[in-house]
Amino acid sequence: MNRTDRLYAIVEDLRAISPRCRSARQLALRFEVSSRTIERDISALQQAGVPIYAEVGRRGGYALDKSMSLPPLNFTPAEAVAVAIALSRTEQQPFADEARSALRKLVAAMPGPEGERARQLAARVQILGDDKPESRYTGSIGRVIEEALLKGVVLRIHYSDAQGVLTTREVEPGAFVGGRSGWWYLVAWCRMRDAVRVFRLDRIAEAVLTEDPVPGRPLEAFDAGVPDMIARTPVLD
């Protein structure tokens, strides 16, 4: 995460838990930087006019002014827990970090008593872990692909096919798809093949963002490359 993205993420994190506070150490662990870096980031945000203030004491930390907090949401405790259960296995799926952030915002923005009832209800639900991961999502590679999809830029990948032959290709990301077997795939326009190709994430040895924007190909152009065994499109409404 670059500094600009981190500054934005810090504000969103503090907004989600306002009026509660987060210590520099907690923020440092969350964003995988030093506490000193967090202190510099907070100082930069304050100088830019973001209403962040420090709470002193053993339980102190940084908090965002209540005027910047999210309004109460009309989620019931059961609805909030249902969302938490649905997101509980997102560690190895696309946009896992964003899923955790969304859940924190949801619970933090609920009216106080309802949020506490949701936490109490969640404590009564336990999900057994599996010896084998449910999803074979390659996190580090996946995050680069997530960024490419968000920014709409071409990827340069080092890909090993089923026979172990390694090639370097420039691809135009089209869609993430997840198979029922647990594998995740990138469906993309391969410039080397001049056609749609499906790349299994665990076979991508390296993925690098380029500054080359992706041409406006319709999503339907990638459908022919998606096997029938792959489930697509999460429902948002």
C-alpha atoms as a PDB file:
ATOM      1  CA  MET A   1       0.000   0.000   0.000  1.00  0.00           C
ATOM      2  CA  ASN A   2       1.448   3.388  -0.965  1.00  0.00           C
ATOM      3  CA  ARG A   3       1.306   6.355   1.405  1.00  0.00           C
ATOM      4  CA  THR A   4      -1.651   8.062  -0.246  1.00  0.00           C
ATOM      5  CA  ASP A   5      -3.748   4.906  -0.022  1.00  0.00           C
ATOM      6  CA  ARG A   6      -2.647   4.378   3.566  1.00  0.00           C
ATOM      7  CA  LEU A   7      -3.643   7.919   4.593  1.00  0.00           C
ATOM      8  CA  TYR A   8      -7.086   7.392   3.102  1.00  0.00           C
ATOM      9  CA  ALA A   9      -7.386   3.976   4.773  1.00  0.00           C
ATOM     10  CA  ILE A  10      -6.428   5.410   8.186  1.00  0.00           C
ATOM     11  CA  VAL A  11      -9.204   7.997   7.942  1.00  0.00           C
ATOM     12  CA  GLU A  12     -11.722   5.348   6.894  1.00  0.00           C
ATOM     13  CA  ASP A  13     -10.614   3.056   9.728  1.00  0.00           C
ATOM     14  CA  LEU A  14     -10.987   5.815  12.325  1.00  0.00           C
ATOM     15  CA  ARG A  15     -14.296   6.889  10.787  1.00  0.00           C
ATOM     16  CA  ALA A  16     -15.623   3.347  11.114  1.00  0.00           C
ATOM     17  CA  ILE A  17     -14.946   3.137  14.869  1.00  0.00           C
ATOM     18  CA  SER A  18     -15.642   6.787  15.812  1.00  0.00           C
ATOM     19  CA  PRO A  19     -15.990   7.964  18.545  1.00  0.00           C
ATOM     20  CA  ARG A  20     -13.790   5.139  19.825  1.00  0.00           C
ATOM     21  CA  CYS A  21     -10.056   5.470  19.282  1.00  0.00           C
ATOM     22  CA  ARG A  22      -7.261   3.358  17.835  1.00  0.00           C
ATOM     23  CA  SER A  23      -3.694   3.424  19.168  1.00  0.00           C
ATOM     24  CA  ALA A  24      -0.670   4.045  16.970  1.00  0.00           C
ATOM     25  CA  ARG A  25       0.449   0.479  17.675  1.00  0.00           C
ATOM     26  CA  GLN A  26      -2.906  -0.957  16.555  1.00  0.00           C
ATOM     27  CA  LEU A  27      -2.820   1.103  13.368  1.00  0.00           C
ATOM     28  CA  ALA A  28       0.788   0.102  12.740  1.00  0.00           C
ATOM     29  CA  LEU A  29      -0.107  -3.591  12.987  1.00  0.00           C
ATOM     30  CA  ARG A  30      -3.147  -3.114  10.756  1.00  0.00           C
ATOM     31  CA  PHE A  31      -1.202  -1.349   7.994  1.00  0.00           C
ATOM     32  CA  GLU A  32       2.086  -3.237   8.481  1.00  0.00           C
ATOM     33  CA  VAL A  33       4.231  -0.165   9.142  1.00  0.00           C
ATOM     34  CA  SER A  34       6.006   1.225  12.208  1.00  0.00           C
ATOM     35  CA  SER A  35       4.270   3.237  14.935  1.00  0.00           C
ATOM     36  CA  ARG A  36       6.521   6.145  14.016  1.00  0.00           C
ATOM     37  CA  THR A  37       5.211   6.021  10.434  1.00  0.00           C
ATOM     38  CA  ILE A  38       1.639   6.102  11.737  1.00  0.00           C
ATOM     39  CA  GLU A  39       2.459   9.135  13.910  1.00  0.00           C
ATOM     40  CA  ARG A  40       3.849  10.938  10.861  1.00  0.00           C
ATOM     41  CA  ASP A  41       0.763   9.984   8.848  1.00  0.00           C
ATOM     42  CA  ILE A  42      -1.577  11.272  11.568  1.00  0.00           C
ATOM     43  CA  SER A  43       0.382  14.518  11.745  1.00  0.00           C
ATOM     44  CA  ALA A  44       0.093  14.937   7.961  1.00  0.00           C
ATOM     45  CA  LEU A  45      -3.661  14.326   8.115  1.00  0.00           C
ATOM     46  CA  GLN A  46      -4.098  16.824  10.938  1.00  0.00           C
ATOM     47  CA  GLN A  47      -2.118  19.443   9.015  1.00  0.00           C
ATOM     48  CA  ALA A  48      -4.403  18.792   6.034  1.00  0.00           C
ATOM     49  CA  GLY A  49      -7.402  19.643   8.196  1.00  0.00           C
ATOM     50  CA  VAL A  50      -8.718  16.168   9.018  1.00  0.00           C
ATOM     51  CA  PRO A  51     -10.285  16.412  12.522  1.00  0.00           C
ATOM     52  CA  ILE A  52      -8.233  13.694  14.227  1.00  0.00           C
ATOM     53  CA  TYR A  53      -7.440  14.170  17.913  1.00  0.00           C
ATOM     54  CA  ALA A  54      -5.447  12.186  20.466  1.00  0.00           C
ATOM     55  CA  GLU A  55      -6.948  10.549  23.543  1.00  0.00           C
ATOM     56  CA  VAL A  56      -4.421  10.218  26.378  1.00  0.00           C
ATOM     57  CA  GLY A  57      -4.208   7.377  28.857  1.00  0.00           C
ATOM     58  CA  ARG A  58      -3.683   3.629  28.830  1.00  0.00           C
ATOM     59  CA  ARG A  59      -6.676   3.082  26.554  1.00  0.00           C
ATOM     60  CA  GLY A  60      -5.965   6.170  24.506  1.00  0.00           C
ATOM     61  CA  GLY A  61      -5.104   6.613  20.874  1.00  0.00           C
ATOM     62  CA  TYR A  62      -6.328   8.535  17.861  1.00  0.00           C
ATOM     63  CA  ALA A  63      -9.982   9.283  17.165  1.00  0.00           C
ATOM     64  CA  LEU A  64     -11.913  11.042  14.433  1.00  0.00           C
ATOM     65  CA  ASP A  65     -14.305  13.837  15.367  1.00  0.00           C
ATOM     66  CA  LYS A  66     -17.903  12.607  15.694  1.00  0.00           C
ATOM     67  CA  SER A  67     -19.008  14.971  12.930  1.00  0.00           C
ATOM     68  CA  MET A  68     -17.002  12.834  10.497  1.00  0.00           C
ATOM     69  CA  SER A  69     -18.450   9.510  11.682  1.00  0.00           C
ATOM     70  CA  LEU A  70     -20.906   7.405   9.710  1.00  0.00           C
ATOM     71  CA  PRO A  71     -24.648   7.762  10.371  1.00  0.00           C
ATOM     72  CA  PRO A  72     -26.464   4.890  12.125  1.00  0.00           C
ATOM     73  CA  LEU A  73     -27.463   2.016   9.844  1.00  0.00           C
ATOM     74  CA  ASN A  74     -30.756   0.193  10.081  1.00  0.00           C
ATOM     75  CA  PHE A  75     -29.194  -3.268  10.229  1.00  0.00           C
ATOM     76  CA  THR A  76     -30.639  -5.669  12.775  1.00  0.00           C
ATOM     77  CA  PRO A  77     -28.171  -7.654  14.917  1.00  0.00           C
ATOM     78  CA  ALA A  78     -29.181 -10.819  13.047  1.00  0.00           C
ATOM     79  CA  GLU A  79     -28.517  -9.152   9.677  1.00  0.00           C
ATOM     80  CA  ALA A  80     -25.100  -7.961  10.841  1.00  0.00           C
ATOM     81  CA  VAL A  81     -24.164 -11.452  12.062  1.00  0.00           C
ATOM     82  CA  ALA A  82     -25.424 -12.979   8.803  1.00  0.00           C
ATOM     83  CA  VAL A  83     -23.082 -10.659   6.883  1.00  0.00           C
ATOM     84  CA  ALA A  84     -20.219 -11.586   9.249  1.00  0.00           C
ATOM     85  CA  ILE A  85     -20.838 -15.295   8.628  1.00  0.00           C
ATOM     86  CA  ALA A  86     -20.918 -14.746   4.861  1.00  0.00           C
ATOM     87  CA  LEU A  87     -17.607 -12.870   5.058  1.00  0.00           C
ATOM     88  CA  SER A  88     -15.953 -15.276   7.475  1.00  0.00           C
ATOM     89  CA  ARG A  89     -14.274 -17.245   4.697  1.00  0.00           C
ATOM     90  CA  THR A  90     -13.083 -14.340   2.584  1.00  0.00           C
ATOM     91  CA  GLU A  91      -9.415 -14.599   3.620  1.00  0.00           C
ATOM     92  CA  GLN A  92      -8.625 -16.411   0.384  1.00  0.00           C
ATOM     93  CA  GLN A  93     -10.984 -14.589  -1.943  1.00  0.00           C
ATOM     94  CA  PRO A  94     -10.734 -11.350  -3.943  1.00  0.00           C
ATOM     95  CA  PHE A  95     -11.019  -8.073  -2.005  1.00  0.00           C
ATOM     96  CA  ALA A  96     -10.632  -9.778   1.392  1.00  0.00           C
ATOM     97  CA  ASP A  97      -9.180  -6.640   3.015  1.00  0.00           C
ATOM     98  CA  GLU A  98     -12.093  -4.574   1.736  1.00  0.00           C
ATOM     99  CA  ALA A  99     -14.545  -7.182   3.060  1.00  0.00           C
ATOM    100  CA  ARG A 100     -13.109  -6.862   6.570  1.00  0.00           C
ATOM    101  CA  SER A 101     -13.168  -3.078   6.325  1.00  0.00           C
ATOM    102  CA  ALA A 102     -16.802  -3.096   5.188  1.00  0.00           C
ATOM    103  CA  LEU A 103     -17.821  -5.339   8.086  1.00  0.00           C
ATOM    104  CA  ARG A 104     -16.049  -3.105  10.629  1.00  0.00           C
ATOM    105  CA  LYS A 105     -17.850  -0.059   9.214  1.00  0.00           C
ATOM    106  CA  LEU A 106     -21.189  -1.848   9.288  1.00  0.00           C
ATOM    107  CA  VAL A 107     -20.957  -2.800  12.970  1.00  0.00           C
ATOM    108  CA  ALA A 108     -19.336   0.482  14.047  1.00  0.00           C
ATOM    109  CA  ALA A 109     -22.061   2.536  12.341  1.00  0.00           C
ATOM    110  CA  MET A 110     -24.927   0.670  14.001  1.00  0.00           C
ATOM    111  CA  PRO A 111     -26.578   2.389  16.995  1.00  0.00           C
ATOM    112  CA  GLY A 112     -24.680   1.498  20.180  1.00  0.00           C
ATOM    113  CA  PRO A 113     -27.131  -1.020  21.718  1.00  0.00           C
ATOM    114  CA  GLU A 114     -27.737  -2.771  18.399  1.00  0.00           C
ATOM    115  CA  GLY A 115     -24.021  -3.073  17.713  1.00  0.00           C
ATOM    116  CA  GLU A 116     -23.459  -4.612  21.130  1.00  0.00           C
ATOM    117  CA  ARG A 117     -26.347  -7.049  20.592  1.00  0.00           C
ATOM    118  CA  ALA A 118     -24.762  -8.037  17.271  1.00  0.00           C
ATOM    119  CA  ARG A 119     -21.432  -8.756  19.015  1.00  0.00           C
ATOM    120  CA  GLN A 120     -23.185 -10.856  21.672  1.00  0.00           C
ATOM    121  CA  LEU A 121     -25.089 -12.808  19.024  1.00  0.00           C
ATOM    122  CA  ALA A 122     -21.911 -13.370  16.989  1.00  0.00           C
ATOM    123  CA  ALA A 123     -20.237 -14.869  20.071  1.00  0.00           C
ATOM    124  CA  ARG A 124     -22.864 -17.643  19.963  1.00  0.00           C
ATOM    125  CA  VAL A 125     -21.974 -18.630  16.402  1.00  0.00           C
ATOM    126  CA  GLN A 126     -18.840 -20.677  15.774  1.00  0.00           C
ATOM    127  CA  ILE A 127     -17.497 -21.860  12.431  1.00  0.00           C
ATOM    128  CA  LEU A 128     -15.291 -24.925  12.326  1.00  0.00           C
ATOM    129  CA  GLY A 129     -12.002 -24.538  10.487  1.00  0.00           C
ATOM    130  CA  ASP A 130     -11.027 -26.943   7.711  1.00  0.00           C
ATOM    131  CA  ASP A 131      -7.790 -28.884   7.525  1.00  0.00           C
ATOM    132  CA  LYS A 132      -7.659 -27.882   3.873  1.00  0.00           C
ATOM    133  CA  PRO A 133      -8.376 -24.327   2.755  1.00  0.00           C
ATOM    134  CA  GLU A 134     -11.770 -23.804   1.163  1.00  0.00           C
ATOM    135  CA  SER A 135     -10.321 -21.500  -1.443  1.00  0.00           C
ATOM    136  CA  ARG A 136      -7.003 -21.668  -3.270  1.00  0.00           C
ATOM    137  CA  TYR A 137      -6.730 -17.929  -3.682  1.00  0.00           C
ATOM    138  CA  THR A 138      -3.161 -16.637  -3.976  1.00  0.00           C
ATOM    139  CA  GLY A 139      -3.303 -13.519  -1.834  1.00  0.00           C
ATOM    140  CA  SER A 140      -0.222 -11.585  -2.952  1.00  0.00           C
ATOM    141  CA  ILE A 141      -0.880 -12.205  -6.646  1.00  0.00           C
ATOM    142  CA  GLY A 142      -4.582 -11.652  -6.120  1.00  0.00           C
ATOM    143  CA  ARG A 143      -4.059  -8.213  -4.596  1.00  0.00           C
ATOM    144  CA  VAL A 144      -2.082  -7.079  -7.654  1.00  0.00           C
ATOM    145  CA  ILE A 145      -4.879  -8.309  -9.920  1.00  0.00           C
ATOM    146  CA  GLU A 146      -7.470  -6.577  -7.723  1.00  0.00           C
ATOM    147  CA  GLU A 147      -5.581  -3.304  -8.179  1.00  0.00           C
ATOM    148  CA  ALA A 148      -5.335  -3.846 -11.942  1.00  0.00           C
ATOM    149  CA  LEU A 149      -9.098  -4.386 -12.170  1.00  0.00           C
ATOM    150  CA  LEU A 150      -9.779  -1.304 -10.063  1.00  0.00           C
ATOM    151  CA  LYS A 151      -7.393   0.905 -12.051  1.00  0.00           C
ATOM    152  CA  GLY A 152      -8.166  -0.618 -15.441  1.00  0.00           C
ATOM    153  CA  VAL A 153      -4.550  -1.249 -16.445  1.00  0.00           C
ATOM    154  CA  VAL A 154      -2.673  -4.028 -18.218  1.00  0.00           C
ATOM    155  CA  LEU A 155      -0.830  -6.682 -16.197  1.00  0.00           C
ATOM    156  CA  ARG A 156       2.525  -8.269 -16.981  1.00  0.00           C
ATOM    157  CA  ILE A 157       2.532 -11.823 -15.648  1.00  0.00           C
ATOM    158  CA  HIS A 158       4.933 -14.752 -15.509  1.00  0.00           C
ATOM    159  CA  TYR A 159       2.694 -17.759 -16.065  1.00  0.00           C
ATOM    160  CA  SER A 160       3.401 -21.486 -15.901  1.00  0.00           C
ATOM    161  CA  ASP A 161       0.961 -23.605 -17.912  1.00  0.00           C
ATOM    162  CA  ALA A 162      -0.224 -27.143 -17.094  1.00  0.00           C
ATOM    163  CA  GLN A 163       2.967 -28.561 -18.640  1.00  0.00           C
ATOM    164  CA  GLY A 164       5.168 -26.281 -16.539  1.00  0.00           C
ATOM    165  CA  VAL A 165       6.220 -24.042 -19.443  1.00  0.00           C
ATOM    166  CA  LEU A 166       6.870 -20.520 -18.144  1.00  0.00           C
ATOM    167  CA  THR A 167       5.994 -17.532 -20.341  1.00  0.00           C
ATOM    168  CA  THR A 168       5.857 -13.789 -19.809  1.00  0.00           C
ATOM    169  CA  ARG A 169       2.685 -12.167 -21.087  1.00  0.00           C
ATOM    170  CA  GLU A 170       0.875  -8.856 -21.055  1.00  0.00           C
ATOM    171  CA  VAL A 171      -2.808  -9.386 -20.341  1.00  0.00           C
ATOM    172  CA  GLU A 172      -5.880  -7.173 -20.115  1.00  0.00           C
ATOM    173  CA  PRO A 173      -7.770  -8.266 -16.960  1.00  0.00           C
ATOM    174  CA  GLY A 174     -11.416  -9.019 -17.620  1.00  0.00           C
ATOM    175  CA  ALA A 175     -12.808 -10.805 -14.583  1.00  0.00           C
ATOM    176  CA  PHE A 176     -12.044 -12.810 -11.463  1.00  0.00           C
ATOM    177  CA  VAL A 177     -13.837 -16.155 -11.432  1.00  0.00           C
ATOM    178  CA  GLY A 178     -14.037 -18.784  -8.722  1.00  0.00           C
ATOM    179  CA  GLY A 179     -14.514 -22.464  -9.406  1.00  0.00           C
ATOM    180  CA  ARG A 180     -16.453 -24.860  -7.203  1.00  0.00           C
ATOM    181  CA  SER A 181     -13.212 -26.796  -6.725  1.00  0.00           C
ATOM    182  CA  GLY A 182     -11.793 -23.824  -4.824  1.00  0.00           C
ATOM    183  CA  TRP A 183      -9.444 -22.585  -7.544  1.00  0.00           C
ATOM    184  CA  TRP A 184      -9.534 -18.922  -8.549  1.00  0.00           C
ATOM    185  CA  TYR A 185      -8.881 -17.770 -12.094  1.00  0.00           C
ATOM    186  CA  LEU A 186      -8.160 -14.576 -13.984  1.00  0.00           C
ATOM    187  CA  VAL A 187      -9.993 -14.309 -17.307  1.00  0.00           C
ATOM    188  CA  ALA A 188      -8.060 -11.883 -19.482  1.00  0.00           C
ATOM    189  CA  TRP A 189      -7.245 -10.882 -23.027  1.00  0.00           C
ATOM    190  CA  CYS A 190      -3.789 -12.295 -23.682  1.00  0.00           C
ATOM    191  CA  ARG A 191      -1.856 -10.020 -26.016  1.00  0.00           C
ATOM    192  CA  MET A 192       0.610 -12.799 -26.828  1.00  0.00           C
ATOM    193  CA  ARG A 193      -2.208 -15.121 -28.025  1.00  0.00           C
ATOM    194  CA  ASP A 194      -4.460 -12.274 -29.217  1.00  0.00           C
ATOM    195  CA  ALA A 195      -7.399 -14.047 -27.585  1.00  0.00           C
ATOM    196  CA  VAL A 196      -9.162 -14.593 -24.272  1.00  0.00           C
ATOM    197  CA  ARG A 197      -7.321 -16.938 -21.918  1.00  0.00           C
ATOM    198  CA  VAL A 198      -8.039 -18.255 -18.413  1.00  0.00           C
ATOM    199  CA  PHE A 199      -5.115 -18.138 -15.953  1.00  0.00           C
ATOM    200  CA  ARG A 200      -5.193 -20.125 -12.716  1.00  0.00           C
ATOM    201  CA  LEU A 201      -3.905 -17.882  -9.945  1.00  0.00           C
ATOM    202  CA  ASP A 202      -1.593 -20.420  -8.333  1.00  0.00           C
ATOM    203  CA  ARG A 203       0.256 -20.759 -11.662  1.00  0.00           C
ATOM    204  CA  ILE A 204       1.024 -17.028 -11.848  1.00  0.00           C
ATOM    205  CA  ALA A 205       4.556 -16.709 -10.494  1.00  0.00           C
ATOM    206  CA  GLU A 206       4.594 -12.912 -10.642  1.00  0.00           C
ATOM    207  CA  ALA A 207       2.175 -10.134 -11.561  1.00  0.00           C
ATOM    208  CA  VAL A 208       3.217  -6.522 -12.154  1.00  0.00           C
ATOM    209  CA  LEU A 209       1.046  -3.496 -12.870  1.00  0.00           C
ATOM    210  CA  THR A 210       1.824  -1.489 -15.984  1.00  0.00           C
ATOM    211  CA  GLU A 211       0.692   2.045 -16.793  1.00  0.00           C
ATOM    212  CA  ASP A 212      -0.976   0.900 -20.013  1.00  0.00           C
ATOM    213  CA  PRO A 213      -4.777   1.389 -19.770  1.00  0.00           C
ATOM    214  CA  VAL A 214      -7.018  -1.513 -20.720  1.00  0.00           C
ATOM    215  CA  PRO A 215      -9.090  -0.938 -23.890  1.00  0.00           C
ATOM    216  CA  GLY A 216     -12.833  -0.864 -23.358  1.00  0.00           C
ATOM    217  CA  ARG A 217     -13.725  -4.500 -24.045  1.00  0.00           C
ATOM    218  CA  PRO A 218     -17.292  -5.467 -23.013  1.00  0.00           C
ATOM    219  CA  LEU A 219     -17.539  -8.082 -20.270  1.00  0.00           C
ATOM    220  CA  GLU A 220     -19.350 -10.385 -22.700  1.00  0.00           C
ATOM    221  CA  ALA A 221     -16.111 -10.634 -24.698  1.00  0.00           C
ATOM    222  CA  PHE A 222     -14.636 -12.728 -21.900  1.00  0.00           C
ATOM    223  CA  ASP A 223     -17.572 -15.139 -21.467  1.00  0.00           C
ATOM    224  CA  ALA A 224     -16.346 -17.618 -24.070  1.00  0.00           C
ATOM    225  CA  GLY A 225     -13.201 -18.210 -22.030  1.00  0.00           C
ATOM    226  CA  VAL A 226     -15.016 -19.145 -18.838  1.00  0.00           C
ATOM    227  CA  PRO A 227     -15.585 -22.894 -18.306  1.00  0.00           C
ATOM    228  CA  ASP A 228     -19.057 -24.039 -17.284  1.00  0.00           C
ATOM    229  CA  MET A 229     -17.748 -25.261 -13.916  1.00  0.00           C
ATOM    230  CA  ILE A 230     -16.945 -21.725 -12.801  1.00  0.00           C
ATOM    231  CA  ALA A 231     -19.473 -19.707 -10.805  1.00  0.00           C
ATOM    232  CA  ARG A 232     -19.546 -15.995 -11.494  1.00  0.00           C
ATOM    233  CA  THR A 233     -21.026 -12.673 -10.404  1.00  0.00           C
ATOM    234  CA  PRO A 234     -21.812 -12.129  -6.722  1.00  0.00           C
ATOM    235  CA  VAL A 235     -25.303 -10.751  -6.144  1.00  0.00           C
ATOM    236  CA  LEU A 236     -25.330  -7.128  -4.919  1.00  0.00           C
ATOM    237  CA  ASP A 237     -29.081  -6.466  -4.919  1.00  0.00           C
END
